[in-house]
Every structure is written in C-alpha cells, then in structure tokens.
Amino acid sequence: MEDKLFGGVNMTNLPKVTIRDLAESGVHFGHKVSRWNAKMAPYIYGVHQQNRIHIIDLRKTLPLLEAAMKALYDVASQDGRILFVGTKFQALDIVASEAVRCGQYYVNDRWLGGMLTNWNTVSSSIKTLIQYEKILNDEDSILTKKELGNIEKKRKKLDKELGGIREMGAVPDILFIIDTNKEHIAVKEAKKLGIPVVGVLDTNSDPDDIAYPISGNDDSRKSIELYCKLAADSILAGIESSLTRSRVKDDELIQEKEGGIVQTKKKRMKDETEREKALEECDGDIKKAVDRLRTIGFAKADKKSDRVASDGLIAMCLAKNYGVLVKVNCETDFVARNEKFIALVSNLASIACQERCTSLDELKNAKYEDVGTVQEAIISGTSVLGEKLELSNLCYLETKDGIIAGYVHGDMHGLGKIGALVALQSSGDKQEIGKQIAMHVVAMKPEALSIDDLDQEKLNNERSIIEEQVKSLNKPEEVAKKIVDGRMAKYYEEVVLLEQKFIKDDKMKIADFIESSAVKLANYKLLTLDGANK
C-alpha cells in the first residue's frame, strides 16, 4: 500500500492526530458568544445553549492542524529556525519544554517590542547576558559581593526574557504562537518581516495575517499540551527527514536569500554542517543523529553548567522492603520552593522507587513521562526554571527480612533538606519505630552504624591525637589509659549511631531503644543537601 502523501510530505513521518484526540483535549470549546470575532464564523460549529459558548468545528480544525504540522515539518527539514511563542500562564512551561525537546527556540516570559524587527539590539542584549555570565563565573573577579549581586539580578532578568532565543543567531523562519490575541505584537512584527505564522485561534481571534491558522481552544492547558506536542513531533520528523537526505545525497537544492531575492542553486553538503557531523558521529544512524541534533536545543542548559547549584530538595519514596532518597540541586531557595521544581523532585523519587534504581546513572537513564529520559527532564527543567538543576545523589536501601522506614526533615510538601532511611529486621509493622530512628539519624548525623563500621584509619588517627593530648598531662600510665578510653567513648557517642544517646530520651542509647522495641537495625542511609552523606 502506498504511503499517504500530504502536500508532497510523507504523512507517515508526521505525528498522527484524530478528531477524537482533539475532542478529548477540549479543543472544541470556544469563548462566550458575546466575545466572538465574526471572522471566525467559518470555523464555528454552533453554540452551547446552556453555557452560551461557541463550539469549534473540529472537522475543519483537523485539516488546518495537519497543514500547520506540514509547514513546521517543511521548515525543520530545511534546517530552518522555529520560534515557539506562548507567554500566557497556562503555556509557560509547556512552550519551553517542547521547544527544547525538539531543539528549537522559545519566548515564554513576555514579548519584547522589536524582538524581530530590531534584532540587532536584541543580539546586543544577548551578548550582554553572555558577558554577565562570564563575569559571574570568573573566580578571580575583583568585584565586590554587592557589585556581583547587582550583576546577577540583571543576568536573571535578561535570561528570563531572552534565554529561550540566545542560541537562535538570527530571526526565525516561522513562528508557532499560542493565542495570537495576546501575542499580537509578535504577529505584527512577523508580518512586517514576511515571516509565516502558525497560530492557534480561539473564537475571539482574528485570522488575518496568520498563514497557518489552527482553530481551537487556546486557554485549556490540555489543548495547549496537544498543540505543542504535535508541533515538536512534526519538527523532529522534519529533522529526521533532513538527516535521511543528507545520508543518501551528496548534493541538494537549497535556497539562499541574497539582497532580498530568493535564489536556488546546487550546493554540495559539507562535512562542517551540523547534520553531516551528527550523522558521522552516530555512524549513519538517523535516530541517534536526531537525538544528537536535539542536544542543540539544550545549549541554554549547558550555559548554566558551570554555575554552583547549592540549594535544592531531597525527596523520599518507600516500598515495603526497599526505599530511596533522591537529591536534586538548584541555585536558589526561590526555585527550591517553586511548584514545578517540587513536582520534578517528587516524580524523580517515585521513578527511582518504581524502577528500583540503585545508582544515579540508572535513574538518569530511566524514562520520564513524555519528555524522554530523566536526564532530559533535568535539562528541560533547567531551561524552564532558568537555573542550573542537577540530579546529584541517590541513596538506595533494601532489606530481605523486615521493613524500610524513613524521614525527611522539611516543610515543602514532604520534601526537605535532609533525609534518612533505616532498615529494620522485625516482624509486624514497625514503621513508627523506624521513623523515630530515622529522625534521630537526621538530627545527630552519625558517621557509622557501629564501632566496627568506623573507618579504621580515621579511628587510629583519632586515638593517636587523644593519646598525644593525654601524654602531655604527665599522668600515670593506668590513669592515662582510662582517660584515653573515656575520651574515645565520648568520641563514639558523637559519631556511632548505636552508641549515641537517643534524642527523644537521653537516658538511653539508640542501642537500648532498639532492643526495647524488639527490632534489629541492619543499616541506615543519610542524605543531606550540603553533602554530608552516609
């Protein structure tokens, strides 16, 4: 059977979408009848009598959406630049993450007047942003803390406004816009420069000046997710098509603009092009080369890789006989309290527990929803939140006979700055006992479970120091030995869990509490934000 073609494009390469998909995402819901734009009448099916809102005709939306997907596919297959634009609250993170996923560019904070028509000034601002980053990363800087703080504020402002286009290099070849009413300045600038626009148009929108209109709900988060996902998938399909041509052809027809006139000429593909490099690095594997090119879209995150991520959160997830602690760092407490960051850290702990990841590499390579891998989710999060994010540690604890209990100290939706897991060998439900021991571990931060578990070299060094101190007291040998033993016992109380006094009752040691609770403490794990881990 022949492949279905759409305008010269093999539709089997494009993402599939049906009217059912559109309906399930709420694409057919328009605005109140009183807010409509009469120019949208051809795309409206009728009126919902109870709610008095317009219902969009999905039979007309579907071919419009397919035409828009084809346009994005065509631009991507010709190595064009595609700019995602969506600054309304519902679209912020979706626009950024999907643009990054397909290696393109985005504006999700606010559209600056002249962002396209005054590109030279915008380019200058991007250079300023890069210069600020160099200053802040300079370890030998002679600037004062106050001066560096002022520069950091300016950097954050510029990064928020221009971070999504800092690698774009020139004006885009096509715009993909959510809500053309809100982004009317972007539409006007694109029209002035002759840049085509793919735009989502609700019933209150003006379809004029939109080359590829998509009639549909532009307020629903679920609808926006569908539009952006289809756009990103179409772009990735176009990149794959481009790579296929690069592999099978040495020459191709390309179009170049010279003096405003579009000329077509034959040009041999050079090894220096990104596509050829990607194919060479991946030994001709197109799928791998697509992934390689997608990393171009992660450049924004890479620029933040040298920054120090000293804040963050720790999350815990427990099963009956195993549990995990996951630490994700960010740069500031502001992001650590962000709902998106909190959700990301919680999700990573759940994935680590579900997949029983015992190492960071296993977790980084685990699948993360529709984003790809966990590592790609971290990179995408860096782009969306505007700070360096780092999946920095994972603790896994398991027991064959018993339970795993734990505790995380903090006030952010069950997440915090320090956490502990304990493995108990027992019969029956001893979760509360385990939690109390974990709370003690978090408070006292022991270095070892028992004296035998202490690092022998460190232990010998500590004893040598104490012996030298006691030697200077000129005490009799037997007295000196008792003093050394007493100080070593005090040292054990500080660093050995079983020797420590129970934080809830200092009249007993943890070992006594464990014995009275009819359990055996097999092991424990401690994870802190500042790196003091066991």
Protein backbone atom coordinates (compact mmCIF):
# COMPACT_ATOMS: atom_id res chain seq x y z
CA MET A 1 0.00 0.00 0.00
CA GLU A 2 1.35 3.43 -0.90
CA ASP A 3 2.10 5.89 1.87
CA LYS A 4 -0.38 8.69 2.26
CA LEU A 5 1.06 11.95 0.98
CA PHE A 6 0.05 15.41 2.11
CA GLY A 7 1.31 18.28 0.01
CA GLY A 8 4.41 16.32 -1.02
CA VAL A 9 5.22 15.27 2.54
CA ASN A 10 5.10 11.63 3.54
CA MET A 11 2.40 11.77 6.22
CA THR A 12 3.59 8.52 7.78
CA ASN A 13 6.51 10.56 9.13
CA LEU A 14 4.23 13.10 10.81
CA PRO A 15 2.53 12.55 14.17
CA LYS A 16 -0.98 11.11 13.97
CA VAL A 17 -3.95 13.05 15.33
CA THR A 18 -7.69 12.37 15.12
CA ILE A 19 -10.88 14.29 15.85
CA ARG A 20 -11.25 12.12 18.95
CA ASP A 21 -7.84 13.34 20.17
CA LEU A 22 -8.93 16.93 19.64
CA ALA A 23 -12.23 16.41 21.45
CA GLU A 24 -10.59 14.67 24.42
CA SER A 25 -8.23 17.63 24.79
CA GLY A 26 -11.11 20.13 24.77
CA VAL A 27 -10.04 21.81 21.53
CA HIS A 28 -13.70 22.38 20.55
CA PHE A 29 -14.54 24.71 23.45
CA GLY A 30 -14.58 28.36 22.40
CA HIS A 31 -15.27 31.60 24.27
CA LYS A 32 -18.54 33.16 25.36
CA VAL A 33 -20.76 34.13 22.45
CA SER A 34 -20.51 37.79 23.44
CA ARG A 35 -16.72 37.76 22.93
CA TRP A 36 -16.56 36.26 19.46
CA ASN A 37 -14.82 37.65 16.39
CA ALA A 38 -17.08 37.44 13.34
CA LYS A 39 -14.10 36.50 11.15
CA MET A 40 -14.01 33.14 12.97
CA ALA A 41 -17.54 32.25 11.83
CA PRO A 42 -16.36 29.72 9.18
CA TYR A 43 -14.65 27.67 11.91
CA ILE A 44 -17.58 27.61 14.38
CA TYR A 45 -19.97 24.64 14.55
CA GLY A 46 -22.60 26.17 16.82
CA VAL A 47 -23.45 27.44 20.30
CA HIS A 48 -23.66 25.50 23.56
CA GLN A 49 -27.11 26.63 24.70
CA GLN A 50 -26.57 26.11 28.42
CA ASN A 51 -23.15 27.79 28.77
CA ARG A 52 -23.57 30.18 25.83
CA ILE A 53 -20.13 29.43 24.44
CA HIS A 54 -19.19 28.77 20.84
CA ILE A 55 -18.34 25.22 19.80
CA ILE A 56 -15.50 24.97 17.28
CA ASP A 57 -15.97 22.66 14.29
CA LEU A 58 -13.27 20.01 14.72
CA ARG A 59 -13.90 18.72 11.19
CA LYS A 60 -12.34 21.98 10.00
CA THR A 61 -9.72 22.14 12.74
CA LEU A 62 -8.18 18.79 11.78
CA PRO A 63 -7.08 19.69 8.21
CA LEU A 64 -5.87 23.09 9.44
CA LEU A 65 -3.78 21.36 12.09
CA GLU A 66 -2.36 18.94 9.53
CA ALA A 67 -1.43 21.85 7.24
CA ALA A 68 0.32 23.58 10.16
CA MET A 69 2.19 20.37 11.01
CA LYS A 70 3.32 20.10 7.40
CA ALA A 71 4.57 23.72 7.44
CA LEU A 72 6.65 23.08 10.56
CA TYR A 73 7.90 19.81 9.07
CA ASP A 74 8.99 21.61 5.89
CA VAL A 75 10.90 24.32 7.76
CA ALA A 76 12.63 21.78 10.01
CA SER A 77 13.56 19.58 7.05
CA GLN A 78 15.32 22.60 5.51
CA ASP A 79 17.24 23.31 8.75
CA GLY A 80 15.12 26.38 9.46
CA ARG A 81 14.71 28.14 12.80
CA ILE A 82 11.35 27.77 14.53
CA LEU A 83 10.28 30.04 17.37
CA PHE A 84 7.63 28.90 19.88
CA VAL A 85 5.74 31.82 21.46
CA GLY A 86 3.41 31.49 24.44
CA THR A 87 3.51 33.90 27.37
CA LYS A 88 0.15 33.17 28.99
CA PHE A 89 0.33 31.39 32.33
CA GLN A 90 -1.11 28.08 31.09
CA ALA A 91 1.50 27.81 28.34
CA LEU A 92 4.75 28.92 30.02
CA ASP A 93 6.34 25.59 30.90
CA ILE A 94 4.76 23.65 28.03
CA VAL A 95 6.11 26.00 25.36
CA ALA A 96 9.60 25.96 26.85
CA SER A 97 9.85 22.20 27.39
CA GLU A 98 8.50 21.25 23.94
CA ALA A 99 10.73 23.79 22.17
CA VAL A 100 13.76 22.42 23.99
CA ARG A 101 12.68 18.84 23.25
CA CYS A 102 12.81 19.43 19.51
CA GLY A 103 15.93 21.62 19.58
CA GLN A 104 14.19 24.92 18.77
CA TYR A 105 13.69 28.30 20.45
CA TYR A 106 11.01 29.92 22.57
CA VAL A 107 9.67 33.08 24.21
CA ASN A 108 7.58 32.37 27.32
CA ASP A 109 8.11 35.37 29.60
CA ARG A 110 6.95 38.39 27.61
CA TRP A 111 7.34 39.53 24.06
CA LEU A 112 9.74 42.48 23.91
CA GLY A 113 8.80 45.05 21.31
CA GLY A 114 11.25 44.81 18.41
CA MET A 115 12.33 41.26 19.22
CA LEU A 116 12.19 40.52 15.48
CA THR A 117 12.18 43.92 13.79
CA ASN A 118 15.05 45.22 15.92
CA TRP A 119 17.10 42.03 16.03
CA ASN A 120 20.44 43.87 16.19
CA THR A 121 19.51 45.40 19.54
CA VAL A 122 18.23 42.06 20.82
CA SER A 123 21.51 40.43 19.73
CA SER A 124 23.39 43.08 21.66
CA SER A 125 21.35 42.27 24.78
CA ILE A 126 22.14 38.57 24.34
CA LYS A 127 25.85 39.41 24.18
CA THR A 128 25.43 41.41 27.38
CA LEU A 129 23.80 38.38 29.02
CA ILE A 130 26.75 36.20 27.99
CA GLN A 131 29.17 38.82 29.30
CA TYR A 132 27.39 38.90 32.66
CA GLU A 133 27.72 35.12 32.91
CA LYS A 134 31.45 35.30 32.21
CA ILE A 135 31.88 37.89 34.96
CA LEU A 136 29.91 35.82 37.46
CA ASN A 137 31.87 32.67 36.61
CA ASP A 138 35.24 34.40 36.92
CA GLU A 139 36.85 33.03 40.08
CA ASP A 140 39.48 35.78 40.01
CA SER A 141 36.95 38.61 39.79
CA ILE A 142 37.90 41.74 41.74
CA LEU A 143 34.29 42.93 42.00
CA THR A 144 32.68 43.24 45.42
CA LYS A 145 29.89 40.97 46.61
CA LYS A 146 27.39 43.82 46.19
CA GLU A 147 28.52 44.50 42.62
CA LEU A 148 28.29 40.81 41.75
CA GLY A 149 24.81 40.71 43.30
CA ASN A 150 23.65 43.58 41.08
CA ILE A 151 25.06 41.86 38.00
CA GLU A 152 23.31 38.61 38.97
CA LYS A 153 19.97 40.45 39.18
CA LYS A 154 20.50 41.90 35.70
CA ARG A 155 21.58 38.50 34.38
CA LYS A 156 18.45 36.80 35.70
CA LYS A 157 16.21 39.45 34.13
CA LEU A 158 17.89 39.10 30.73
CA ASP A 159 17.93 35.31 30.95
CA LYS A 160 14.23 35.25 31.74
CA GLU A 161 13.42 37.43 28.73
CA LEU A 162 15.99 36.20 26.20
CA GLY A 163 17.17 32.82 27.46
CA GLY A 164 14.96 30.92 25.03
CA ILE A 165 16.41 32.68 21.95
CA ARG A 166 20.02 33.21 22.99
CA GLU A 167 21.25 30.50 20.60
CA MET A 168 18.92 31.41 17.71
CA GLY A 169 21.51 33.53 15.89
CA ALA A 170 19.04 35.29 13.57
CA VAL A 171 15.32 35.90 13.10
CA PRO A 172 13.29 32.67 12.82
CA ASP A 173 11.92 31.19 9.61
CA ILE A 174 8.49 30.54 11.11
CA LEU A 175 6.61 31.30 14.35
CA PHE A 176 4.40 28.90 16.29
CA ILE A 177 2.10 31.00 18.51
CA ILE A 178 -0.35 30.09 21.26
CA ASP A 179 -3.07 32.79 21.46
CA THR A 180 -2.50 35.30 18.66
CA ASN A 181 -4.54 37.93 20.52
CA LYS A 182 -2.14 38.03 23.45
CA GLU A 183 0.87 37.82 21.12
CA HIS A 184 -0.43 40.41 18.64
CA ILE A 185 2.88 42.31 18.66
CA ALA A 186 4.72 39.17 17.58
CA VAL A 187 2.18 38.69 14.77
CA LYS A 188 2.67 42.29 13.57
CA GLU A 189 6.46 42.00 13.59
CA ALA A 190 6.31 38.69 11.71
CA LYS A 191 4.02 40.25 9.09
CA LYS A 192 6.39 43.18 8.64
CA LEU A 193 9.32 40.82 8.00
CA GLY A 194 7.34 38.35 5.90
CA ILE A 195 7.74 35.53 8.41
CA PRO A 196 4.87 32.99 8.28
CA VAL A 197 2.94 32.30 11.47
CA VAL A 198 1.36 29.10 12.72
CA GLY A 199 -1.22 30.36 15.20
CA VAL A 200 -3.82 28.83 17.50
CA LEU A 201 -7.01 30.87 17.05
CA ASP A 202 -9.86 30.80 19.54
CA THR A 203 -13.32 32.15 18.68
CA ASN A 204 -12.28 35.66 19.77
CA SER A 205 -9.22 35.78 17.49
CA ASP A 206 -8.52 37.48 14.17
CA PRO A 207 -7.36 35.01 11.48
CA ASP A 208 -5.95 37.80 9.29
CA ASP A 209 -2.16 37.69 8.86
CA ILE A 210 -1.98 34.08 10.11
CA ALA A 211 -0.52 31.91 7.35
CA TYR A 212 -1.40 28.62 9.06
CA PRO A 213 -4.38 29.09 11.40
CA ILE A 214 -5.42 26.34 13.83
CA SER A 215 -8.96 26.95 15.07
CA GLY A 216 -9.15 25.72 18.66
CA ASN A 217 -9.23 26.38 22.37
CA ASP A 218 -6.19 28.47 23.34
CA ASP A 219 -6.89 28.60 27.09
CA SER A 220 -7.04 24.95 28.15
CA ARG A 221 -3.72 23.56 29.36
CA LYS A 222 -4.61 20.16 27.94
CA SER A 223 -5.26 21.66 24.50
CA ILE A 224 -2.02 23.64 24.61
CA GLU A 225 -0.11 20.47 25.51
CA LEU A 226 -1.58 18.76 22.45
CA TYR A 227 -0.71 21.62 20.05
CA CYS A 228 2.85 21.93 21.34
CA LYS A 229 3.49 18.19 21.37
CA LEU A 230 2.27 17.82 17.78
CA ALA A 231 4.39 20.80 16.73
CA ALA A 232 7.52 19.38 18.38
CA ASP A 233 6.91 15.91 16.94
CA SER A 234 6.45 17.40 13.45
CA ILE A 235 9.72 19.31 13.79
CA LEU A 236 11.57 16.18 14.92
CA ALA A 237 10.13 14.32 11.93
CA GLY A 238 11.39 17.11 9.67
CA ILE A 239 14.87 16.89 11.20
CA GLU A 240 14.86 13.14 10.64
CA SER A 241 13.84 13.66 7.01
CA SER A 242 16.69 16.15 6.61
CA LEU A 243 19.15 13.65 8.02
CA THR A 244 17.87 10.95 5.68
CA ARG A 245 18.50 13.17 2.66
CA SER A 246 21.94 14.08 3.97
CA ARG A 247 22.86 10.43 4.18
CA VAL A 248 21.71 9.38 0.72
CA LYS A 249 22.68 12.52 -1.23
CA ASP A 250 25.92 14.38 -1.67
CA ASP A 251 24.15 17.33 -3.25
CA GLU A 252 20.85 19.06 -2.62
CA LEU A 253 18.94 22.07 -3.85
CA ILE A 254 18.88 24.81 -1.24
CA GLN A 255 17.51 28.31 -1.19
CA GLU A 256 19.53 31.31 -0.15
CA LYS A 257 18.44 34.89 0.28
CA GLU A 258 20.75 37.40 -1.33
CA GLY A 259 19.75 41.03 -1.39
CA GLY A 260 16.15 40.10 -0.61
CA ILE A 261 15.89 37.86 -3.72
CA VAL A 262 15.40 34.14 -3.21
CA GLN A 263 17.76 32.21 -5.46
CA THR A 264 18.00 28.43 -5.88
CA LYS A 265 21.32 26.80 -6.57
CA LYS A 266 23.04 23.45 -6.21
CA LYS A 267 25.39 23.10 -3.28
CA ARG A 268 27.48 20.15 -2.10
CA MET A 269 26.84 19.18 1.51
CA LYS A 270 29.97 19.86 3.55
CA ASP A 271 31.29 17.86 6.48
CA GLU A 272 31.15 21.01 8.60
CA THR A 273 27.33 21.14 8.64
CA GLU A 274 25.61 20.10 11.84
CA ARG A 275 23.60 17.40 10.09
CA GLU A 276 26.65 15.81 8.50
CA LYS A 277 28.55 15.97 11.77
CA ALA A 278 25.67 14.35 13.61
CA LEU A 279 25.46 11.54 11.05
CA GLU A 280 29.20 10.93 11.18
CA GLU A 281 29.26 10.87 14.97
CA CYS A 282 26.37 8.39 15.01
CA ASP A 283 27.76 6.16 12.23
CA GLY A 284 24.86 6.96 9.91
CA ASP A 285 22.19 6.03 12.47
CA ILE A 286 19.39 8.52 11.75
CA LYS A 287 17.53 8.03 15.03
CA LYS A 288 20.69 8.66 17.04
CA ALA A 289 21.57 11.64 14.86
CA VAL A 290 18.15 13.18 15.56
CA ASP A 291 18.83 12.84 19.28
CA ARG A 292 22.27 14.37 18.72
CA LEU A 293 20.78 17.39 16.99
CA ARG A 294 18.19 17.76 19.73
CA THR A 295 21.03 18.47 22.13
CA ILE A 296 21.49 21.76 20.30
CA GLY A 297 18.27 22.81 21.97
CA PHE A 298 19.86 22.04 25.34
CA ALA A 299 22.52 24.73 24.83
CA LYS A 300 20.63 27.01 27.19
CA ALA A 301 21.02 24.44 29.94
CA ASP A 302 24.66 23.82 29.05
CA LYS A 303 25.44 27.52 29.53
CA LYS A 304 24.37 27.11 33.15
CA SER A 305 26.51 24.03 33.77
CA ASP A 306 29.36 25.99 35.37
CA ARG A 307 27.16 27.64 37.97
CA VAL A 308 27.01 26.41 41.55
CA ALA A 309 23.76 24.66 42.46
CA SER A 310 23.95 24.78 46.25
CA ASP A 311 20.26 24.79 47.16
CA GLY A 312 17.66 22.19 46.33
CA LEU A 313 15.47 19.46 47.80
CA ILE A 314 15.57 15.84 48.92
CA ALA A 315 12.62 13.52 48.32
CA MET A 316 11.87 10.06 49.69
CA CYS A 317 9.86 7.15 48.35
CA LEU A 318 9.30 3.91 50.27
CA ALA A 319 8.17 0.41 49.38
CA LYS A 320 7.76 -2.38 51.94
CA ASN A 321 11.32 -3.72 51.86
CA TYR A 322 13.22 -1.01 49.99
CA GLY A 323 13.33 2.76 49.72
CA VAL A 324 15.14 5.63 48.02
CA LEU A 325 16.25 9.17 48.74
CA VAL A 326 16.84 11.48 45.77
CA LYS A 327 18.65 14.83 45.87
CA VAL A 328 18.18 17.49 43.20
CA ASN A 329 20.12 20.74 43.48
CA CYS A 330 19.19 24.19 42.18
CA GLU A 331 20.80 27.59 42.62
CA THR A 332 18.38 29.44 44.90
CA ASP A 333 15.73 28.86 47.55
CA PHE A 334 13.29 30.70 45.27
CA VAL A 335 13.38 27.84 42.75
CA ALA A 336 13.52 25.23 45.53
CA ARG A 337 10.07 26.45 46.58
CA ASN A 338 8.72 26.53 43.02
CA GLU A 339 5.84 24.11 42.44
CA LYS A 340 7.33 22.81 39.20
CA PHE A 341 10.65 22.05 40.90
CA ILE A 342 8.88 20.35 43.82
CA ALA A 343 6.86 18.23 41.39
CA LEU A 344 10.01 17.30 39.45
CA VAL A 345 11.88 16.14 42.57
CA SER A 346 8.86 14.15 43.80
CA ASN A 347 8.48 12.49 40.40
CA LEU A 348 12.15 11.51 40.33
CA ALA A 349 11.87 9.84 43.74
CA SER A 350 8.79 7.92 42.55
CA ILE A 351 10.56 6.81 39.37
CA ALA A 352 13.65 5.73 41.31
CA CYS A 353 11.47 3.67 43.64
CA GLN A 354 9.32 2.19 40.89
CA GLU A 355 12.34 1.22 38.77
CA ARG A 356 14.38 0.23 41.85
CA CYS A 357 17.30 2.39 40.73
CA THR A 358 20.41 1.76 42.80
CA SER A 359 22.66 4.34 41.14
CA LEU A 360 22.47 7.82 39.65
CA ASP A 361 23.21 6.52 36.16
CA GLU A 362 20.26 4.12 36.32
CA LEU A 363 17.94 6.94 37.36
CA LYS A 364 19.28 9.39 34.77
CA ASN A 365 18.61 6.86 32.00
CA ALA A 366 15.13 5.93 33.29
CA LYS A 367 12.09 7.03 31.27
CA TYR A 368 10.40 10.27 32.36
CA GLU A 369 6.81 10.63 31.12
CA ASP A 370 6.74 12.09 27.58
CA VAL A 371 9.98 14.06 27.91
CA GLY A 372 12.34 11.16 27.29
CA THR A 373 14.84 10.26 29.99
CA VAL A 374 15.19 11.66 33.49
CA GLN A 375 18.38 13.44 32.41
CA GLU A 376 16.47 15.15 29.60
CA ALA A 377 13.81 16.18 32.12
CA ILE A 378 16.54 17.77 34.27
CA ILE A 379 17.92 19.66 31.27
CA SER A 380 14.43 20.75 30.27
CA GLY A 381 13.77 21.88 33.84
CA THR A 382 16.95 23.96 33.76
CA SER A 383 15.66 25.70 30.66
CA VAL A 384 12.16 26.28 32.04
CA LEU A 385 13.12 27.43 35.55
CA GLY A 386 16.12 29.49 34.46
CA GLU A 387 18.57 27.97 36.95
CA LYS A 388 21.04 25.12 36.86
CA LEU A 389 19.40 21.91 38.07
CA GLU A 390 21.49 18.90 39.00
CA LEU A 391 20.44 15.38 39.94
CA SER A 392 23.32 14.96 42.37
CA ASN A 393 22.70 11.96 44.61
CA LEU A 394 20.62 8.87 45.19
CA CYS A 395 20.53 6.57 48.23
CA TYR A 396 19.01 3.11 47.92
CA LEU A 397 18.40 0.81 50.90
CA GLU A 398 16.94 -2.70 50.88
CA THR A 399 16.29 -5.45 53.40
CA LYS A 400 15.19 -9.04 52.84
CA ASP A 401 13.59 -9.71 56.22
CA GLY A 402 11.88 -6.65 57.60
CA ILE A 403 10.92 -3.14 56.56
CA ILE A 404 12.39 0.14 55.37
CA ALA A 405 11.35 3.30 57.19
CA GLY A 406 12.45 6.87 56.69
CA TYR A 407 12.12 10.54 57.45
CA VAL A 408 12.75 13.77 55.53
CA HIS A 409 13.02 16.99 57.50
CA GLY A 410 11.42 19.98 55.81
CA ASP A 411 8.21 21.87 55.21
CA MET A 412 7.83 21.65 51.43
CA HIS A 413 5.18 19.07 50.59
CA GLY A 414 7.03 16.25 52.36
CA LEU A 415 10.37 17.22 50.84
CA GLY A 416 13.26 18.83 52.67
CA LYS A 417 16.97 19.48 53.07
CA ILE A 418 17.98 16.27 54.86
CA GLY A 419 16.61 12.73 54.96
CA ALA A 420 17.36 9.26 56.29
CA LEU A 421 16.39 5.65 55.60
CA VAL A 422 16.67 2.79 58.11
CA ALA A 423 16.47 -0.97 57.52
CA LEU A 424 14.81 -2.88 60.37
CA GLN A 425 14.72 -6.63 60.76
CA SER A 426 11.49 -7.35 62.57
CA SER A 427 8.10 -8.98 62.44
CA GLY A 428 4.96 -6.88 62.27
CA ASP A 429 4.50 -3.21 61.47
CA LYS A 430 7.39 -1.25 62.98
CA GLN A 431 7.16 1.83 60.74
CA GLU A 432 6.76 4.24 63.65
CA ILE A 433 9.81 2.77 65.42
CA GLY A 434 11.77 3.08 62.18
CA LYS A 435 10.64 6.66 61.68
CA GLN A 436 11.82 7.63 65.18
CA ILE A 437 15.25 6.12 64.50
CA ALA A 438 15.38 7.93 61.12
CA MET A 439 14.50 11.21 62.85
CA HIS A 440 17.38 10.61 65.27
CA VAL A 441 19.75 9.96 62.34
CA VAL A 442 18.66 13.22 60.70
CA ALA A 443 19.23 15.16 63.93
CA MET A 444 22.54 13.60 65.01
CA LYS A 445 24.13 12.74 61.62
CA PRO A 446 26.14 9.67 62.73
CA GLU A 447 29.10 8.55 60.64
CA ALA A 448 28.73 4.79 61.20
CA LEU A 449 26.24 2.22 62.45
CA SER A 450 28.60 0.52 64.92
CA ILE A 451 32.16 0.94 66.16
CA ASP A 452 33.27 -1.85 63.82
CA ASP A 453 31.91 0.14 60.86
CA LEU A 454 34.12 3.16 61.52
CA ASP A 455 36.93 3.86 59.11
CA GLN A 456 39.94 2.22 60.74
CA GLU A 457 42.44 4.79 59.54
CA LYS A 458 40.31 7.64 60.86
CA LEU A 459 39.79 5.78 64.13
CA ASN A 460 43.52 5.19 64.62
CA ASN A 461 44.21 8.83 63.83
CA GLU A 462 41.66 9.97 66.43
CA ARG A 463 43.16 7.67 69.07
CA SER A 464 46.68 8.93 68.29
CA ILE A 465 45.58 12.54 68.73
CA ILE A 466 43.90 11.75 72.07
CA GLU A 467 46.94 9.80 73.29
CA GLU A 468 49.22 12.74 72.46
CA GLN A 469 46.89 15.10 74.32
CA VAL A 470 46.82 12.83 77.40
CA LYS A 471 50.57 12.27 77.27
CA SER A 472 51.13 15.99 77.82
CA LEU A 473 49.21 15.70 81.12
CA ASN A 474 52.03 13.57 82.65
CA LYS A 475 49.58 11.16 84.28
CA PRO A 476 50.46 7.63 85.47
CA GLU A 477 50.12 5.01 82.72
CA GLU A 478 46.97 3.37 84.14
CA VAL A 479 45.28 6.73 84.69
CA ALA A 480 46.30 7.91 81.22
CA LYS A 481 44.82 4.74 79.68
CA LYS A 482 41.48 5.33 81.44
CA ILE A 483 41.43 8.94 80.23
CA VAL A 484 42.09 7.81 76.64
CA ASP A 485 39.36 5.15 76.86
CA GLY A 486 36.93 7.71 78.31
CA ARG A 487 37.60 10.22 75.54
CA MET A 488 37.29 7.51 72.89
CA ALA A 489 33.93 6.51 74.41
CA LYS A 490 32.87 10.16 74.14
CA TYR A 491 34.02 10.16 70.51
CA TYR A 492 31.95 7.03 69.81
CA GLU A 493 28.89 8.74 71.30
CA GLU A 494 29.33 11.54 68.78
CA VAL A 495 29.84 9.54 65.58
CA VAL A 496 28.48 5.98 66.09
CA LEU A 497 24.71 5.56 65.80
CA LEU A 498 24.32 2.65 68.23
CA GLU A 499 26.44 4.47 70.83
CA GLN A 500 24.58 7.78 70.60
CA LYS A 501 22.07 8.85 73.23
CA PHE A 502 18.53 8.68 71.91
CA ILE A 503 17.44 12.20 71.03
CA LYS A 504 13.95 11.63 72.49
CA ASP A 505 15.26 10.13 75.74
CA ASP A 506 18.87 10.87 76.66
CA LYS A 507 18.71 8.31 79.49
CA MET A 508 19.14 5.52 76.95
CA LYS A 509 21.30 4.86 73.92
CA ILE A 510 19.87 4.13 70.49
CA ALA A 511 21.02 0.54 71.01
CA ASP A 512 18.85 0.34 74.15
CA PHE A 513 15.84 1.84 72.35
CA ILE A 514 16.22 -0.68 69.52
CA GLU A 515 16.46 -3.60 71.95
CA SER A 516 13.39 -2.46 73.89
CA SER A 517 11.44 -2.17 70.63
CA ALA A 518 12.15 -5.80 69.67
CA VAL A 519 13.78 -4.88 66.36
CA LYS A 520 17.26 -5.07 64.87
CA LEU A 521 18.79 -2.14 63.00
CA ALA A 522 20.52 -3.66 59.96
CA ASN A 523 21.65 -0.48 58.20
CA TYR A 524 20.86 3.16 57.54
CA LYS A 525 21.40 5.86 54.90
CA LEU A 526 21.74 9.60 55.44
CA LEU A 527 21.46 12.22 52.69
CA THR A 528 21.94 15.95 53.24
CA LEU A 529 21.88 18.94 50.96
CA ASP A 530 25.35 20.08 52.00
CA GLY A 531 26.96 16.78 51.04
CA ALA A 532 27.37 15.16 54.47
CA ASN A 533 26.13 11.74 53.37
CA LYS A 534 26.50 8.20 54.61
